């Protein structure tokens, strides 16, 4: 499962559970709760070994550049 899909699934579950409370509390409060919870969920997901696709792509680009530089140095 992609990290975006996992995050989206967790978000959907939490939103579903929060709908009950949203009837009782203002929408701003629900939004504030979401804003404070989801970064922590993403951190937990990353600690489990998953990373966002953008982070993976950036790291892969850096690694590819480093490998190319090493290859060039070995040739010289």
Protein backbone atom coordinates (compact mmCIF):
# COMPACT_ATOMS: atom_id res chain seq x y z
CA UNK A 1 0.00 0.00 0.00
CA UNK A 2 1.37 3.38 -0.93
CA UNK A 3 2.00 5.82 1.88
CA UNK A 4 -0.50 8.25 0.41
CA UNK A 5 -3.13 5.49 0.34
CA UNK A 6 -2.31 4.51 3.91
CA UNK A 7 -2.50 8.11 5.10
CA UNK A 8 -5.76 8.60 3.22
CA UNK A 9 -7.23 5.42 4.74
CA UNK A 10 -6.27 6.55 8.24
CA UNK A 11 -7.70 9.99 7.53
CA UNK A 12 -10.98 8.49 6.33
CA UNK A 13 -11.27 6.32 9.43
CA UNK A 14 -10.63 9.25 11.74
CA UNK A 15 -13.01 11.51 9.80
CA UNK A 16 -15.71 8.85 10.03
CA UNK A 17 -15.26 8.61 13.79
CA UNK A 18 -15.13 12.39 14.19
CA UNK A 19 -18.44 12.89 12.38
CA UNK A 20 -20.24 11.87 15.55
CA UNK A 21 -18.40 14.56 17.50
CA UNK A 22 -18.72 17.15 14.76
CA UNK A 23 -22.42 17.41 15.46
CA UNK A 24 -21.62 18.35 19.04
CA UNK A 25 -18.64 20.66 18.55
CA UNK A 26 -17.92 23.48 16.07
CA UNK A 27 -16.38 22.64 12.70
CA UNK A 28 -13.34 24.80 13.47
CA UNK A 29 -12.57 22.59 16.43
CA UNK A 30 -12.79 19.46 14.25
CA UNK A 31 -10.44 21.05 11.71
CA UNK A 32 -7.98 21.96 14.46
CA UNK A 33 -8.08 18.38 15.73
CA UNK A 34 -7.41 17.06 12.22
CA UNK A 35 -4.53 19.49 11.74
CA UNK A 36 -2.91 18.37 14.98
CA UNK A 37 -3.51 14.63 14.56
CA UNK A 38 -2.51 13.96 10.94
CA UNK A 39 1.11 15.17 11.19
CA UNK A 40 1.54 12.82 14.15
CA UNK A 41 -0.03 9.95 12.21
CA UNK A 42 2.37 10.61 9.33
CA UNK A 43 5.28 10.56 11.79
CA UNK A 44 4.09 7.18 13.16
CA UNK A 45 3.75 5.82 9.63
CA UNK A 46 7.30 6.97 8.81
CA UNK A 47 8.61 5.32 11.98
CA UNK A 48 7.10 2.07 10.69
CA UNK A 49 9.36 2.31 7.66
CA UNK A 50 7.09 4.09 5.20
CA UNK A 51 7.93 7.45 3.66
CA UNK A 52 6.00 9.83 1.47
CA UNK A 53 6.47 9.35 -2.24
CA UNK A 54 7.94 12.84 -2.60
CA UNK A 55 10.50 12.16 0.12
CA UNK A 56 11.40 8.84 -1.52
CA UNK A 57 11.81 10.48 -4.92
CA UNK A 58 14.03 13.23 -3.49
CA UNK A 59 16.23 10.70 -1.71
CA UNK A 60 16.43 8.55 -4.84
CA UNK A 61 17.47 11.58 -6.90
CA UNK A 62 20.21 12.42 -4.39
CA UNK A 63 21.45 8.82 -4.38
CA UNK A 64 21.45 8.67 -8.17
CA UNK A 65 23.47 11.90 -8.32
CA UNK A 66 25.96 10.59 -5.76
CA UNK A 67 26.35 7.29 -7.62
CA UNK A 68 27.00 9.19 -10.85
CA UNK A 69 29.62 11.35 -9.15
CA UNK A 70 31.33 8.28 -7.69
CA UNK A 71 31.32 6.61 -11.09
CA UNK A 72 32.86 9.72 -12.67
CA UNK A 73 35.55 9.85 -9.96
CA UNK A 74 36.38 6.17 -10.47
CA UNK A 75 36.86 6.77 -14.20
CA UNK A 76 39.37 9.57 -13.55
